[in-house]
Amino acid sequence: MSRRSRDHLPSRPTWRCSACGIAWPCSSAKLRLLGEYRESRTALLVYLATLQVEAAQQLAELDGGTPPDNLAERFTAWARAR
């Protein structure tokens, strides 16, 4: 794995990409995750749903108790089988 792909990790508690600064998972992180979980889309979705819960809690703490509305789209919708 290249250093560039490893660096596209979430920066907690803001959940922005540590490499490119956009909302995580960024495009590079999505590609890496799809590759890592190519044998089990279900495992990928479980992993992402777990991270979504963690992100919701941390982002809510940053925003007065209210998590963003679009977290399901951001964390899991893109990873569903087409």
C-alpha atoms as a PDB file:
ATOM      1  CA  MET A   1       0.000   0.000   0.000  1.00  0.00           C
ATOM      2  CA  SER A   2       1.382   3.398  -0.900  1.00  0.00           C
ATOM      3  CA  ARG A   3       1.850   6.161   1.626  1.00  0.00           C
ATOM      4  CA  ARG A   4      -0.630   8.322  -0.277  1.00  0.00           C
ATOM      5  CA  SER A   5      -3.509   5.833   0.138  1.00  0.00           C
ATOM      6  CA  ARG A   6      -2.656   5.236   3.804  1.00  0.00           C
ATOM      7  CA  ASP A   7      -2.863   8.941   4.543  1.00  0.00           C
ATOM      8  CA  HIS A   8      -6.523   9.237   3.531  1.00  0.00           C
ATOM      9  CA  LEU A   9      -7.780   8.460   7.026  1.00  0.00           C
ATOM     10  CA  PRO A  10     -10.385  10.240   9.145  1.00  0.00           C
ATOM     11  CA  SER A  11      -9.195  12.972  11.468  1.00  0.00           C
ATOM     12  CA  ARG A  12     -11.311  12.739  14.593  1.00  0.00           C
ATOM     13  CA  PRO A  13     -13.416  14.495  15.856  1.00  0.00           C
ATOM     14  CA  THR A  14     -13.957  16.537  12.665  1.00  0.00           C
ATOM     15  CA  TRP A  15     -14.138  13.515  10.350  1.00  0.00           C
ATOM     16  CA  ARG A  16     -12.224  15.258   7.598  1.00  0.00           C
ATOM     17  CA  CYS A  17      -9.598  13.443   5.564  1.00  0.00           C
ATOM     18  CA  SER A  18      -6.148  13.791   7.093  1.00  0.00           C
ATOM     19  CA  ALA A  19      -4.576  13.911   3.608  1.00  0.00           C
ATOM     20  CA  CYS A  20      -6.860  16.080   1.482  1.00  0.00           C
ATOM     21  CA  GLY A  21      -9.060  17.831   4.062  1.00  0.00           C
ATOM     22  CA  ILE A  22     -12.458  17.021   2.581  1.00  0.00           C
ATOM     23  CA  ALA A  23     -15.237  15.177   4.378  1.00  0.00           C
ATOM     24  CA  TRP A  24     -14.197  11.586   5.069  1.00  0.00           C
ATOM     25  CA  PRO A  25     -14.491   9.159   3.390  1.00  0.00           C
ATOM     26  CA  CYS A  26     -12.984  11.066   0.481  1.00  0.00           C
ATOM     27  CA  SER A  27     -12.732   9.538  -3.004  1.00  0.00           C
ATOM     28  CA  SER A  28      -9.292   8.073  -2.302  1.00  0.00           C
ATOM     29  CA  ALA A  29     -10.496   6.502   0.942  1.00  0.00           C
ATOM     30  CA  LYS A  30     -13.547   5.039  -0.813  1.00  0.00           C
ATOM     31  CA  LEU A  31     -11.391   3.441  -3.499  1.00  0.00           C
ATOM     32  CA  ARG A  32      -9.027   2.005  -0.891  1.00  0.00           C
ATOM     33  CA  LEU A  33     -11.901   0.635   1.180  1.00  0.00           C
ATOM     34  CA  LEU A  34     -13.593  -0.935  -1.863  1.00  0.00           C
ATOM     35  CA  GLY A  35     -10.309  -2.652  -2.683  1.00  0.00           C
ATOM     36  CA  GLU A  36      -9.725  -3.852   0.868  1.00  0.00           C
ATOM     37  CA  TYR A  37     -13.259  -5.221   1.207  1.00  0.00           C
ATOM     38  CA  ARG A  38     -13.720  -6.469  -2.380  1.00  0.00           C
ATOM     39  CA  GLU A  39     -14.478  -9.967  -1.077  1.00  0.00           C
ATOM     40  CA  SER A  40     -17.157  -8.829   1.386  1.00  0.00           C
ATOM     41  CA  ARG A  41     -19.344  -5.822   0.724  1.00  0.00           C
ATOM     42  CA  THR A  42     -21.352  -6.728   3.835  1.00  0.00           C
ATOM     43  CA  ALA A  43     -18.265  -6.435   6.043  1.00  0.00           C
ATOM     44  CA  LEU A  44     -17.502  -3.049   4.466  1.00  0.00           C
ATOM     45  CA  LEU A  45     -21.009  -1.810   5.229  1.00  0.00           C
ATOM     46  CA  VAL A  46     -20.801  -3.012   8.838  1.00  0.00           C
ATOM     47  CA  TYR A  47     -17.446  -1.260   9.242  1.00  0.00           C
ATOM     48  CA  LEU A  48     -18.752   1.968   7.707  1.00  0.00           C
ATOM     49  CA  ALA A  49     -21.950   1.889   9.782  1.00  0.00           C
ATOM     50  CA  THR A  50     -19.835   1.527  12.927  1.00  0.00           C
ATOM     51  CA  LEU A  51     -17.749   4.531  11.913  1.00  0.00           C
ATOM     52  CA  GLN A  52     -20.928   6.460  11.079  1.00  0.00           C
ATOM     53  CA  VAL A  53     -22.192   6.015  14.654  1.00  0.00           C
ATOM     54  CA  GLU A  54     -18.846   7.188  16.025  1.00  0.00           C
ATOM     55  CA  ALA A  55     -18.826  10.180  13.663  1.00  0.00           C
ATOM     56  CA  ALA A  56     -22.398  11.113  14.571  1.00  0.00           C
ATOM     57  CA  GLN A  57     -21.494  11.229  18.262  1.00  0.00           C
ATOM     58  CA  GLN A  58     -18.305  13.227  17.748  1.00  0.00           C
ATOM     59  CA  LEU A  59     -19.779  15.654  15.224  1.00  0.00           C
ATOM     60  CA  ALA A  60     -22.801  16.222  17.470  1.00  0.00           C
ATOM     61  CA  GLU A  61     -20.477  17.188  20.307  1.00  0.00           C
ATOM     62  CA  LEU A  62     -18.843  19.749  18.028  1.00  0.00           C
ATOM     63  CA  ASP A  63     -22.190  21.153  16.886  1.00  0.00           C
ATOM     64  CA  GLY A  64     -24.173  21.558  20.081  1.00  0.00           C
ATOM     65  CA  GLY A  65     -25.642  18.051  20.179  1.00  0.00           C
ATOM     66  CA  THR A  66     -26.945  17.726  16.627  1.00  0.00           C
ATOM     67  CA  PRO A  67     -25.215  15.388  14.163  1.00  0.00           C
ATOM     68  CA  PRO A  68     -25.283  16.264  10.435  1.00  0.00           C
ATOM     69  CA  ASP A  69     -28.291  14.975   8.480  1.00  0.00           C
ATOM     70  CA  ASN A  70     -26.369  13.407   5.591  1.00  0.00           C
ATOM     71  CA  LEU A  71     -24.210  10.880   7.421  1.00  0.00           C
ATOM     72  CA  ALA A  72     -25.885   7.775   5.954  1.00  0.00           C
ATOM     73  CA  GLU A  73     -25.283   9.096   2.450  1.00  0.00           C
ATOM     74  CA  ARG A  74     -21.734  10.027   3.312  1.00  0.00           C
ATOM     75  CA  PHE A  75     -20.750   6.796   5.077  1.00  0.00           C
ATOM     76  CA  THR A  76     -22.752   3.903   3.640  1.00  0.00           C
ATOM     77  CA  ALA A  77     -24.888   4.756   0.596  1.00  0.00           C
ATOM     78  CA  TRP A  78     -21.921   4.866  -1.782  1.00  0.00           C
ATOM     79  CA  ALA A  79     -20.737   1.399  -0.695  1.00  0.00           C
ATOM     80  CA  ARG A  80     -23.942  -0.518  -1.380  1.00  0.00           C
ATOM     81  CA  ALA A  81     -23.811  -3.013  -4.223  1.00  0.00           C
ATOM     82  CA  ARG A  82     -25.187  -1.609  -7.445  1.00  0.00           C
END
